[in-house]
Amino acid sequence: MAEIVNLKKLRKDKARREREREAEANRLRFGRTKAQKAADKQAKQREGRSIDDKKLD
């Protein structure tokens, strides 16, 4: 005999999997740790100071 399934539950599970897949894609595309953001900010500041130090007045 065939197994009885709840179609409502299957639809909800499918939607949940799709949302999880989209969330994972967004995490890969946009997600950066706080440490990564801070390191980039510091590098940009260091670069700006280096350029300012080399300017002739």
Protein backbone atom coordinates (compact mmCIF):
# COMPACT_ATOMS: atom_id res chain seq x y z
CA MET A 1 0.00 0.00 0.00
CA ALA A 2 1.01 3.56 -0.59
CA GLU A 3 2.15 5.73 2.26
CA ILE A 4 -0.28 8.46 3.32
CA VAL A 5 1.24 11.94 3.12
CA ASN A 6 0.01 15.32 4.23
CA LEU A 7 0.21 17.58 1.17
CA LYS A 8 0.09 20.73 3.28
CA LYS A 9 3.16 19.60 5.20
CA LEU A 10 5.00 18.70 1.99
CA ARG A 11 4.31 22.14 0.51
CA LYS A 12 5.52 23.85 3.68
CA ASP A 13 8.68 21.72 3.73
CA LYS A 14 9.38 22.54 0.10
CA ALA A 15 8.93 26.27 0.73
CA ARG A 16 11.20 26.07 3.77
CA ARG A 17 13.93 24.36 1.74
CA GLU A 18 13.68 27.01 -0.97
CA ARG A 19 13.92 29.84 1.58
CA GLU A 20 16.96 28.15 3.16
CA ARG A 21 18.63 27.82 -0.25
CA GLU A 22 18.01 31.51 -0.99
CA ALA A 23 19.28 32.53 2.46
CA GLU A 24 22.48 30.54 1.93
CA ALA A 25 23.03 32.23 -1.43
CA ASN A 26 22.54 35.65 0.18
CA ARG A 27 24.95 34.79 2.99
CA LEU A 28 27.59 33.90 0.43
CA ARG A 29 26.93 37.01 -1.64
CA PHE A 30 26.53 39.66 1.07
CA GLY A 31 27.75 38.16 4.33
CA ARG A 32 30.98 39.46 5.80
CA THR A 33 32.14 39.13 9.36
CA LYS A 34 32.67 42.11 11.59
CA ALA A 35 36.41 41.38 11.60
CA GLN A 36 36.53 41.46 7.79
CA LYS A 37 34.73 44.82 7.72
CA ALA A 38 37.07 46.26 10.35
CA ALA A 39 40.17 45.02 8.50
CA ASP A 40 38.99 46.63 5.25
CA LYS A 41 38.27 49.89 7.06
CA GLN A 42 41.71 49.92 8.66
CA ALA A 43 43.40 49.15 5.35
CA LYS A 44 41.54 52.01 3.67
CA GLN A 45 42.56 54.41 6.47
CA ARG A 46 46.19 53.24 6.27
CA GLU A 47 46.18 53.79 2.52
CA GLY A 48 44.68 57.26 2.91
CA ARG A 49 47.29 58.25 5.49
CA SER A 50 50.07 56.94 3.27
CA ILE A 51 48.87 59.03 0.34
CA ASP A 52 48.43 62.12 2.53
CA ASP A 53 51.95 61.75 3.91
CA LYS A 54 53.43 61.76 0.40
CA LYS A 55 51.66 64.95 -0.75
CA LEU A 56 53.79 67.99 -1.30
CA ASP A 57 52.54 71.21 0.22
